[in-house]
C-alpha atoms as a PDB file:
ATOM      1  CA  MET A   1       0.000   0.000   0.000  1.00  0.00           C
ATOM      2  CA  LYS A   2       1.199   3.499  -0.910  1.00  0.00           C
ATOM      3  CA  ILE A   3       0.211   6.224   1.541  1.00  0.00           C
ATOM      4  CA  VAL A   4       0.551  10.006   1.400  1.00  0.00           C
ATOM      5  CA  VAL A   5       0.585  11.991   4.652  1.00  0.00           C
ATOM      6  CA  VAL A   6      -0.199  15.714   4.467  1.00  0.00           C
ATOM      7  CA  GLY A   7       1.019  17.581   7.523  1.00  0.00           C
ATOM      8  CA  ALA A   8       4.074  15.378   7.907  1.00  0.00           C
ATOM      9  CA  GLY A   9       5.914  17.950   9.995  1.00  0.00           C
ATOM     10  CA  GLY A  10       3.292  18.117  12.733  1.00  0.00           C
ATOM     11  CA  ARG A  11       3.012  16.201  15.976  1.00  0.00           C
ATOM     12  CA  LEU A  12       0.698  13.536  14.583  1.00  0.00           C
ATOM     13  CA  GLY A  13       1.865  13.654  10.976  1.00  0.00           C
ATOM     14  CA  SER A  14       5.487  12.992  11.925  1.00  0.00           C
ATOM     15  CA  ALA A  15       4.464   9.931  13.916  1.00  0.00           C
ATOM     16  CA  LEU A  16       2.310   8.641  11.069  1.00  0.00           C
ATOM     17  CA  VAL A  17       5.157   8.905   8.565  1.00  0.00           C
ATOM     18  CA  ARG A  18       7.596   7.163  10.897  1.00  0.00           C
ATOM     19  CA  GLU A  19       5.347   4.424  12.250  1.00  0.00           C
ATOM     20  CA  LEU A  20       3.379   3.605   9.093  1.00  0.00           C
ATOM     21  CA  GLY A  21       6.605   3.737   7.104  1.00  0.00           C
ATOM     22  CA  GLN A  22       7.721   0.555   8.850  1.00  0.00           C
ATOM     23  CA  GLU A  23       4.942  -1.362   7.103  1.00  0.00           C
ATOM     24  CA  PHE A  24       3.897   0.680   4.072  1.00  0.00           C
ATOM     25  CA  SER A  25       5.387   2.941   1.415  1.00  0.00           C
ATOM     26  CA  VAL A  26       4.792   6.421   2.839  1.00  0.00           C
ATOM     27  CA  THR A  27       5.357   9.851   1.285  1.00  0.00           C
ATOM     28  CA  GLY A  28       5.069  12.835   3.609  1.00  0.00           C
ATOM     29  CA  PHE A  29       4.460  16.485   2.769  1.00  0.00           C
ATOM     30  CA  LYS A  30       5.396  19.173   5.282  1.00  0.00           C
ATOM     31  CA  ARG A  31       4.022  22.719   5.353  1.00  0.00           C
ATOM     32  CA  ALA A  32       6.934  24.128   3.342  1.00  0.00           C
ATOM     33  CA  GLN A  33       6.359  21.527   0.636  1.00  0.00           C
ATOM     34  CA  LEU A  34       2.613  21.875   0.256  1.00  0.00           C
ATOM     35  CA  ASP A  35       0.634  25.091   0.703  1.00  0.00           C
ATOM     36  CA  LEU A  36      -2.881  24.311   1.943  1.00  0.00           C
ATOM     37  CA  ALA A  37      -3.925  27.853   1.100  1.00  0.00           C
ATOM     38  CA  ALA A  38      -3.249  27.212  -2.610  1.00  0.00           C
ATOM     39  CA  PRO A  39      -5.708  24.655  -4.057  1.00  0.00           C
ATOM     40  CA  ASP A  40      -4.037  24.651  -7.471  1.00  0.00           C
ATOM     41  CA  GLU A  41      -0.717  23.802  -5.832  1.00  0.00           C
ATOM     42  CA  LEU A  42      -2.328  20.911  -3.973  1.00  0.00           C
ATOM     43  CA  ARG A  43      -3.710  19.507  -7.198  1.00  0.00           C
ATOM     44  CA  ALA A  44      -0.446  19.979  -9.096  1.00  0.00           C
ATOM     45  CA  ALA A  45       1.580  18.239  -6.403  1.00  0.00           C
ATOM     46  CA  LEU A  46      -0.726  15.323  -5.653  1.00  0.00           C
ATOM     47  CA  ARG A  47      -2.433  14.412  -8.909  1.00  0.00           C
ATOM     48  CA  PRO A  48       0.726  12.955 -10.535  1.00  0.00           C
ATOM     49  CA  LEU A  49       1.367  10.650  -7.555  1.00  0.00           C
ATOM     50  CA  GLU A  50       0.241   7.065  -7.250  1.00  0.00           C
ATOM     51  CA  PHE A  51      -1.210   6.224  -3.836  1.00  0.00           C
ATOM     52  CA  ASN A  52      -3.904   4.084  -2.268  1.00  0.00           C
ATOM     53  CA  ALA A  53      -4.622   6.307   0.711  1.00  0.00           C
ATOM     54  CA  LEU A  54      -4.060   9.898   1.793  1.00  0.00           C
ATOM     55  CA  ILE A  55      -4.103  10.958   5.436  1.00  0.00           C
ATOM     56  CA  ASN A  56      -4.637  14.637   6.139  1.00  0.00           C
ATOM     57  CA  ALA A  57      -3.048  15.471   9.485  1.00  0.00           C
ATOM     58  CA  ALA A  58      -2.546  19.146   8.616  1.00  0.00           C
ATOM     59  CA  ALA A  59      -4.609  21.876  10.249  1.00  0.00           C
ATOM     60  CA  LEU A  60      -4.520  25.318  11.790  1.00  0.00           C
ATOM     61  CA  THR A  61      -4.782  24.245  15.429  1.00  0.00           C
ATOM     62  CA  ASN A  62      -4.044  27.408  17.412  1.00  0.00           C
ATOM     63  CA  VAL A  63      -7.483  27.857  18.950  1.00  0.00           C
ATOM     64  CA  ASP A  64      -7.042  31.501  19.939  1.00  0.00           C
ATOM     65  CA  TYR A  65      -5.404  32.487  16.643  1.00  0.00           C
ATOM     66  CA  CYS A  66      -8.318  30.950  14.749  1.00  0.00           C
ATOM     67  CA  GLU A  67     -10.754  33.081  16.736  1.00  0.00           C
ATOM     68  CA  ASP A  68      -9.253  36.253  15.260  1.00  0.00           C
ATOM     69  CA  HIS A  69      -8.463  34.794  11.820  1.00  0.00           C
ATOM     70  CA  ARG A  70     -11.695  33.166  10.733  1.00  0.00           C
ATOM     71  CA  ALA A  71     -11.075  33.236   6.976  1.00  0.00           C
ATOM     72  CA  GLU A  72      -7.663  31.604   7.331  1.00  0.00           C
ATOM     73  CA  ALA A  73      -9.060  28.946   9.657  1.00  0.00           C
ATOM     74  CA  MET A  74     -11.832  28.104   7.202  1.00  0.00           C
ATOM     75  CA  GLN A  75      -9.379  27.957   4.292  1.00  0.00           C
ATOM     76  CA  LEU A  76      -6.938  25.592   6.002  1.00  0.00           C
ATOM     77  CA  ASN A  77      -9.370  23.500   8.036  1.00  0.00           C
ATOM     78  CA  ALA A  78     -12.311  23.229   5.628  1.00  0.00           C
ATOM     79  CA  THR A  79     -11.563  24.301   2.051  1.00  0.00           C
ATOM     80  CA  ALA A  80      -8.164  22.601   1.743  1.00  0.00           C
ATOM     81  CA  PRO A  81      -9.427  19.261   3.122  1.00  0.00           C
ATOM     82  CA  ARG A  82     -12.266  19.365   0.594  1.00  0.00           C
ATOM     83  CA  VAL A  83      -9.724  19.748  -2.215  1.00  0.00           C
ATOM     84  CA  LEU A  84      -7.770  16.776  -0.847  1.00  0.00           C
ATOM     85  CA  ALA A  85     -10.966  14.730  -0.716  1.00  0.00           C
ATOM     86  CA  GLU A  86     -11.718  15.633  -4.331  1.00  0.00           C
ATOM     87  CA  ILE A  87      -8.239  14.553  -5.424  1.00  0.00           C
ATOM     88  CA  CYS A  88      -8.684  11.222  -3.649  1.00  0.00           C
ATOM     89  CA  ARG A  89     -12.084  10.764  -5.284  1.00  0.00           C
ATOM     90  CA  GLU A  90     -10.519  11.274  -8.717  1.00  0.00           C
ATOM     91  CA  LYS A  91      -7.826   8.704  -7.924  1.00  0.00           C
ATOM     92  CA  GLU A  92     -10.255   6.285  -6.192  1.00  0.00           C
ATOM     93  CA  ALA A  93      -8.018   6.455  -3.143  1.00  0.00           C
ATOM     94  CA  ARG A  94      -8.940   6.178   0.515  1.00  0.00           C
ATOM     95  CA  PHE A  95      -9.090   9.555   2.281  1.00  0.00           C
ATOM     96  CA  VAL A  96      -8.568   9.830   6.042  1.00  0.00           C
ATOM     97  CA  HIS A  97      -9.140  13.272   7.534  1.00  0.00           C
ATOM     98  CA  VAL A  98      -8.049  14.021  11.092  1.00  0.00           C
ATOM     99  CA  SER A  99     -10.514  16.093  13.093  1.00  0.00           C
ATOM    100  CA  THR A 100     -10.938  17.083  16.733  1.00  0.00           C
ATOM    101  CA  ASP A 101     -12.987  16.819  19.920  1.00  0.00           C
ATOM    102  CA  TYR A 102     -13.494  20.594  19.697  1.00  0.00           C
ATOM    103  CA  VAL A 103     -16.401  20.070  17.293  1.00  0.00           C
ATOM    104  CA  PHE A 104     -18.480  19.420  20.431  1.00  0.00           C
ATOM    105  CA  ALA A 105     -19.935  22.023  22.794  1.00  0.00           C
ATOM    106  CA  GLY A 106     -18.731  20.084  25.832  1.00  0.00           C
ATOM    107  CA  GLU A 107     -22.065  20.049  27.662  1.00  0.00           C
ATOM    108  CA  LYS A 108     -22.276  16.280  28.177  1.00  0.00           C
ATOM    109  CA  HIS A 109     -21.000  14.393  31.195  1.00  0.00           C
ATOM    110  CA  THR A 110     -20.531  11.058  29.452  1.00  0.00           C
ATOM    111  CA  PRO A 111     -18.263  10.253  26.480  1.00  0.00           C
ATOM    112  CA  TYR A 112     -19.332  11.599  23.112  1.00  0.00           C
ATOM    113  CA  THR A 113     -20.243   9.060  20.447  1.00  0.00           C
ATOM    114  CA  GLU A 114     -20.050   9.479  16.696  1.00  0.00           C
ATOM    115  CA  GLU A 115     -23.840   9.880  16.643  1.00  0.00           C
ATOM    116  CA  ASP A 116     -23.848  12.890  18.991  1.00  0.00           C
ATOM    117  CA  ALA A 117     -24.592  16.221  17.332  1.00  0.00           C
ATOM    118  CA  ALA A 118     -21.622  18.513  16.831  1.00  0.00           C
ATOM    119  CA  HIS A 119     -22.046  22.068  18.159  1.00  0.00           C
ATOM    120  CA  PRO A 120     -18.679  23.862  18.112  1.00  0.00           C
ATOM    121  CA  ILE A 121     -18.316  26.932  20.330  1.00  0.00           C
ATOM    122  CA  SER A 122     -15.166  28.414  18.760  1.00  0.00           C
ATOM    123  CA  VAL A 123     -14.030  29.392  15.284  1.00  0.00           C
ATOM    124  CA  TYR A 124     -11.473  26.582  15.418  1.00  0.00           C
ATOM    125  CA  GLY A 125     -14.151  24.035  16.246  1.00  0.00           C
ATOM    126  CA  GLU A 126     -16.466  25.463  13.602  1.00  0.00           C
ATOM    127  CA  SER A 127     -13.765  25.329  10.923  1.00  0.00           C
ATOM    128  CA  LYS A 128     -12.952  21.722  11.773  1.00  0.00           C
ATOM    129  CA  ARG A 129     -16.645  20.787  11.712  1.00  0.00           C
ATOM    130  CA  GLN A 130     -17.022  22.429   8.318  1.00  0.00           C
ATOM    131  CA  GLY A 131     -14.031  20.403   7.171  1.00  0.00           C
ATOM    132  CA  GLU A 132     -15.737  17.203   8.308  1.00  0.00           C
ATOM    133  CA  LEU A 133     -18.945  18.037   6.469  1.00  0.00           C
ATOM    134  CA  GLN A 134     -17.213  19.061   3.260  1.00  0.00           C
ATOM    135  CA  VAL A 135     -14.935  16.023   2.940  1.00  0.00           C
ATOM    136  CA  LEU A 136     -17.770  13.628   3.696  1.00  0.00           C
ATOM    137  CA  ALA A 137     -19.955  15.331   1.098  1.00  0.00           C
ATOM    138  CA  VAL A 138     -17.506  15.060  -1.801  1.00  0.00           C
ATOM    139  CA  ASN A 139     -15.953  11.628  -1.249  1.00  0.00           C
ATOM    140  CA  GLY A 140     -17.742   8.446  -0.229  1.00  0.00           C
ATOM    141  CA  ARG A 141     -14.445   6.779   0.674  1.00  0.00           C
ATOM    142  CA  THR A 142     -13.691   9.351   3.348  1.00  0.00           C
ATOM    143  CA  LEU A 143     -13.049   8.473   6.970  1.00  0.00           C
ATOM    144  CA  VAL A 144     -13.048  11.330   9.485  1.00  0.00           C
ATOM    145  CA  VAL A 145     -10.985  10.400  12.533  1.00  0.00           C
ATOM    146  CA  ARG A 146     -11.521  12.568  15.612  1.00  0.00           C
ATOM    147  CA  VAL A 147      -8.697  12.744  18.146  1.00  0.00           C
ATOM    148  CA  SER A 148      -8.215  14.616  21.430  1.00  0.00           C
ATOM    149  CA  TRP A 149      -5.362  16.107  23.469  1.00  0.00           C
ATOM    150  CA  VAL A 150      -2.690  14.695  21.167  1.00  0.00           C
ATOM    151  CA  PHE A 151       0.823  14.277  22.562  1.00  0.00           C
ATOM    152  CA  GLY A 152       3.940  12.646  21.184  1.00  0.00           C
ATOM    153  CA  PRO A 153       7.710  12.837  20.756  1.00  0.00           C
ATOM    154  CA  ASP A 154       7.861  14.919  17.593  1.00  0.00           C
ATOM    155  CA  ARG A 155       6.573  18.284  18.813  1.00  0.00           C
ATOM    156  CA  PRO A 156       6.014  19.621  22.327  1.00  0.00           C
ATOM    157  CA  SER A 157       2.472  19.574  23.709  1.00  0.00           C
ATOM    158  CA  PHE A 158       0.722  20.501  26.951  1.00  0.00           C
ATOM    159  CA  ILE A 159       2.439  17.780  28.927  1.00  0.00           C
ATOM    160  CA  ASP A 160       5.919  18.812  27.794  1.00  0.00           C
ATOM    161  CA  ALA A 161       5.239  22.401  28.864  1.00  0.00           C
ATOM    162  CA  ILE A 162       3.990  21.297  32.283  1.00  0.00           C
ATOM    163  CA  LEU A 163       6.947  19.009  32.936  1.00  0.00           C
ATOM    164  CA  LYS A 164       9.408  21.660  31.781  1.00  0.00           C
ATOM    165  CA  LYS A 165       7.971  24.003  34.377  1.00  0.00           C
ATOM    166  CA  ALA A 166       7.909  21.304  37.067  1.00  0.00           C
ATOM    167  CA  ARG A 167      11.628  20.676  36.594  1.00  0.00           C
ATOM    168  CA  THR A 168      12.533  24.124  37.916  1.00  0.00           C
ATOM    169  CA  GLU A 169       9.527  25.251  39.976  1.00  0.00           C
ATOM    170  CA  GLU A 170       7.859  23.749  43.042  1.00  0.00           C
ATOM    171  CA  GLN A 171       4.499  25.427  42.430  1.00  0.00           C
ATOM    172  CA  VAL A 172       2.811  24.275  39.227  1.00  0.00           C
ATOM    173  CA  ALA A 173      -0.915  24.339  38.457  1.00  0.00           C
ATOM    174  CA  ALA A 174      -3.223  23.103  35.700  1.00  0.00           C
ATOM    175  CA  VAL A 175      -6.916  23.450  34.901  1.00  0.00           C
ATOM    176  CA  ALA A 176      -9.008  21.015  36.942  1.00  0.00           C
ATOM    177  CA  ASP A 177     -12.449  21.598  35.411  1.00  0.00           C
ATOM    178  CA  LYS A 178     -11.830  20.702  31.745  1.00  0.00           C
ATOM    179  CA  PHE A 179     -11.978  17.028  30.732  1.00  0.00           C
ATOM    180  CA  SER A 180     -10.998  14.903  27.747  1.00  0.00           C
ATOM    181  CA  THR A 181      -8.546  12.101  26.958  1.00  0.00           C
ATOM    182  CA  PRO A 182      -4.809  12.385  26.208  1.00  0.00           C
ATOM    183  CA  THR A 183      -4.032  10.532  22.983  1.00  0.00           C
ATOM    184  CA  TYR A 184      -0.564   9.272  22.083  1.00  0.00           C
ATOM    185  CA  THR A 185       0.447   9.795  18.454  1.00  0.00           C
ATOM    186  CA  ARG A 186       2.166   6.409  18.310  1.00  0.00           C
ATOM    187  CA  ASP A 187      -1.062   4.747  19.379  1.00  0.00           C
ATOM    188  CA  VAL A 188      -3.044   6.530  16.673  1.00  0.00           C
ATOM    189  CA  ALA A 189      -0.524   5.303  14.096  1.00  0.00           C
ATOM    190  CA  ALA A 190      -0.792   1.751  15.430  1.00  0.00           C
ATOM    191  CA  LEU A 191      -4.608   1.779  15.382  1.00  0.00           C
ATOM    192  CA  LEU A 192      -5.002   3.222  11.866  1.00  0.00           C
ATOM    193  CA  PRO A 193      -3.845   0.389   9.534  1.00  0.00           C
ATOM    194  CA  PRO A 194      -7.044  -1.709   9.793  1.00  0.00           C
ATOM    195  CA  LEU A 195      -8.976   1.370   8.704  1.00  0.00           C
ATOM    196  CA  LEU A 196      -6.732   2.003   5.699  1.00  0.00           C
ATOM    197  CA  GLU A 197      -6.998  -1.489   4.314  1.00  0.00           C
ATOM    198  CA  THR A 198     -10.794  -1.709   4.105  1.00  0.00           C
ATOM    199  CA  ASP A 199     -13.653   0.307   2.645  1.00  0.00           C
ATOM    200  CA  ALA A 200     -16.064  -1.180   5.159  1.00  0.00           C
ATOM    201  CA  VAL A 201     -15.458   1.714   7.555  1.00  0.00           C
ATOM    202  CA  ASP A 202     -16.312   5.259   6.527  1.00  0.00           C
ATOM    203  CA  GLY A 203     -17.998   8.297   7.980  1.00  0.00           C
ATOM    204  CA  ILE A 204     -16.843   9.474  11.411  1.00  0.00           C
ATOM    205  CA  LEU A 205     -14.803   7.501  13.915  1.00  0.00           C
ATOM    206  CA  HIS A 206     -13.424   8.474  17.314  1.00  0.00           C
ATOM    207  CA  LEU A 207      -9.846   7.382  17.925  1.00  0.00           C
ATOM    208  CA  ALA A 208      -8.344   8.216  21.306  1.00  0.00           C
ATOM    209  CA  ASN A 209      -6.802   6.461  24.245  1.00  0.00           C
ATOM    210  CA  ARG A 210      -9.319   5.142  26.756  1.00  0.00           C
ATOM    211  CA  GLY A 211     -10.473   6.824  29.942  1.00  0.00           C
ATOM    212  CA  GLU A 212     -10.804  10.485  30.855  1.00  0.00           C
ATOM    213  CA  CYS A 213      -9.115  13.116  32.995  1.00  0.00           C
ATOM    214  CA  SER A 214      -8.733  16.815  33.622  1.00  0.00           C
ATOM    215  CA  TRP A 215      -5.647  18.750  32.608  1.00  0.00           C
ATOM    216  CA  GLN A 216      -4.654  18.693  36.283  1.00  0.00           C
ATOM    217  CA  GLU A 217      -5.014  14.898  36.545  1.00  0.00           C
ATOM    218  CA  TYR A 218      -3.122  14.479  33.269  1.00  0.00           C
ATOM    219  CA  ALA A 219      -0.280  16.655  34.513  1.00  0.00           C
ATOM    220  CA  GLN A 220      -0.175  14.998  37.945  1.00  0.00           C
ATOM    221  CA  TRP A 221       0.052  11.524  36.434  1.00  0.00           C
ATOM    222  CA  ALA A 222       2.883  12.568  34.107  1.00  0.00           C
ATOM    223  CA  LEU A 223       4.705  14.152  37.044  1.00  0.00           C
ATOM    224  CA  ASP A 224       4.233  10.998  39.122  1.00  0.00           C
ATOM    225  CA  CYS A 225       5.671   8.973  36.233  1.00  0.00           C
ATOM    226  CA  CYS A 226       8.719  11.239  36.146  1.00  0.00           C
ATOM    227  CA  HIS A 227       9.380  10.645  39.843  1.00  0.00           C
ATOM    228  CA  ARG A 228       8.865   6.908  39.364  1.00  0.00           C
ATOM    229  CA  PHE A 229      11.312   6.726  36.467  1.00  0.00           C
ATOM    230  CA  GLY A 230      13.971   8.880  38.106  1.00  0.00           C
ATOM    231  CA  VAL A 231      13.462  12.095  36.154  1.00  0.00           C
ATOM    232  CA  PRO A 232      14.480  14.990  38.471  1.00  0.00           C
ATOM    233  CA  MET A 233      11.588  17.324  39.246  1.00  0.00           C
ATOM    234  CA  GLN A 234      11.226  20.177  41.706  1.00  0.00           C
ATOM    235  CA  ALA A 235       7.447  19.895  41.910  1.00  0.00           C
ATOM    236  CA  THR A 236       5.666  16.935  43.477  1.00  0.00           C
ATOM    237  CA  THR A 237       2.072  18.117  43.222  1.00  0.00           C
ATOM    238  CA  ILE A 238       0.112  19.852  40.472  1.00  0.00           C
ATOM    239  CA  GLY A 239      -2.180  22.495  41.898  1.00  0.00           C
ATOM    240  CA  ALA A 240      -5.687  23.181  40.623  1.00  0.00           C
ATOM    241  CA  SER A 241      -6.774  26.186  38.604  1.00  0.00           C
ATOM    242  CA  SER A 242     -10.061  26.770  36.798  1.00  0.00           C
ATOM    243  CA  LEU A 243     -10.955  27.380  33.184  1.00  0.00           C
ATOM    244  CA  GLY A 244     -12.452  30.703  34.198  1.00  0.00           C
ATOM    245  CA  GLU A 245      -9.083  31.848  35.520  1.00  0.00           C
ATOM    246  CA  MET A 246      -7.429  31.510  32.110  1.00  0.00           C
ATOM    247  CA  LYS A 247      -7.749  35.168  31.166  1.00  0.00           C
ATOM    248  CA  ASN A 248      -5.288  34.774  28.293  1.00  0.00           C
ATOM    249  CA  PHE A 249      -7.710  32.502  26.432  1.00  0.00           C
ATOM    250  CA  VAL A 250      -9.415  34.314  23.560  1.00  0.00           C
ATOM    251  CA  ALA A 251     -11.674  31.497  22.352  1.00  0.00           C
ATOM    252  CA  ARG A 252     -14.126  29.515  24.442  1.00  0.00           C
ATOM    253  CA  ARG A 253     -13.057  25.973  25.287  1.00  0.00           C
ATOM    254  CA  PRO A 254     -15.528  23.106  25.656  1.00  0.00           C
ATOM    255  CA  VAL A 255     -15.515  21.733  29.207  1.00  0.00           C
ATOM    256  CA  TYR A 256     -16.056  18.027  28.504  1.00  0.00           C
ATOM    257  CA  THR A 257     -15.005  16.384  25.220  1.00  0.00           C
ATOM    258  CA  VAL A 258     -14.172  12.780  26.073  1.00  0.00           C
ATOM    259  CA  LEU A 259     -14.423  10.668  22.909  1.00  0.00           C
ATOM    260  CA  GLY A 260     -15.963   7.228  23.245  1.00  0.00           C
ATOM    261  CA  THR A 261     -14.115   4.587  21.199  1.00  0.00           C
ATOM    262  CA  GLU A 262     -16.685   1.779  21.338  1.00  0.00           C
ATOM    263  CA  LYS A 263     -17.360   2.024  17.589  1.00  0.00           C
ATOM    264  CA  TYR A 264     -13.687   1.506  16.764  1.00  0.00           C
ATOM    265  CA  GLU A 265     -13.500  -1.416  19.187  1.00  0.00           C
ATOM    266  CA  ARG A 266     -16.606  -2.999  17.695  1.00  0.00           C
ATOM    267  CA  LEU A 267     -15.380  -2.624  14.109  1.00  0.00           C
ATOM    268  CA  THR A 268     -11.805  -3.829  14.630  1.00  0.00           C
ATOM    269  CA  GLY A 269     -11.925  -6.031  17.705  1.00  0.00           C
ATOM    270  CA  ASN A 270      -9.107  -3.937  19.180  1.00  0.00           C
ATOM    271  CA  ALA A 271      -9.265  -1.525  22.098  1.00  0.00           C
ATOM    272  CA  PRO A 272      -6.991   1.503  22.574  1.00  0.00           C
ATOM    273  CA  ARG A 273      -4.965   1.333  25.766  1.00  0.00           C
ATOM    274  CA  ASP A 274      -5.701   3.493  28.790  1.00  0.00           C
ATOM    275  CA  TRP A 275      -4.306   7.026  28.665  1.00  0.00           C
ATOM    276  CA  ARG A 276      -2.291   6.423  31.845  1.00  0.00           C
ATOM    277  CA  GLU A 277      -0.405   3.568  30.238  1.00  0.00           C
ATOM    278  CA  ALA A 278       0.248   5.663  27.135  1.00  0.00           C
ATOM    279  CA  VAL A 279       1.528   8.649  29.145  1.00  0.00           C
ATOM    280  CA  ALA A 280       3.761   6.408  31.251  1.00  0.00           C
ATOM    281  CA  ASP A 281       5.172   4.916  28.057  1.00  0.00           C
ATOM    282  CA  TYR A 282       5.861   8.407  26.701  1.00  0.00           C
ATOM    283  CA  VAL A 283       7.562   9.601  29.881  1.00  0.00           C
ATOM    284  CA  ARG A 284       9.698   6.486  30.205  1.00  0.00           C
ATOM    285  CA  GLY A 285      10.499   5.936  26.547  1.00  0.00           C
ATOM    286  CA  HIS A 286      10.879   9.481  25.287  1.00  0.00           C
ATOM    287  CA  TYR A 287      10.806  12.228  27.890  1.00  0.00           C
ATOM    288  CA  ALA A 288      13.204  10.583  30.349  1.00  0.00           C
ATOM    289  CA  ALA A 289      15.439   9.312  27.573  1.00  0.00           C
ATOM    290  CA  LYS A 290      16.021  12.746  25.989  1.00  0.00           C
ATOM    291  CA  LEU A 291      17.130  14.428  29.252  1.00  0.00           C
END
């Protein structure tokens, strides 16, 4: 199988190129190589290629920036994915589009399923939802994969920022009233192949590690793992702050966006591992090793 990954320089895209490349022939395009704001350039670059599947892991993900740059967010997160879906339709190739938990309003208290209505409360969430709708409308072989709180070794994320601070400061805090599920990029890459090799699965699918936590619980567990694996840290406890205290946030954030993965488990017979196991693996295998 020949696979193209768009967004190959990002946190998830880098992991997809590396991990899938061990089993398949993978070609990755980074931002400097492929301009999502230029549809003609996308067509010129991708139409000559032979591939069986294209994974779009590229997006404008800065939530606050999107709030003040609506047109750019819509171009990169909705219009460009539609063009990619059209190219895949022409080539009769599988199209996998990566989306986000931020398409939900966050008003539930139980995990969101693929059947739950999407009601984004930010421009970022709206642009990603529009991307979902547009790619599904133009290509019947499209699979929209929603992920949440993505972390991995290729680009720093929330957990890297927290641990960096905890290495030099005793007082560290994180938001305790916002909930979702940390998702390890390596796990996403490992769970994707069954979806690439069949047309039996299309539409929308949630793909995240199992369980749920707040940012505070996420940070505390990662810090505990550091102490367990001998990574020197000044802090021992992550304090609690609230979403309302985050005055630097421009866009609204949904409070609860845990993604249920029962559909994936039912379709493949495989279950993602618990987020705690994934975070411990990351701390032990990557974070501790690079220090």
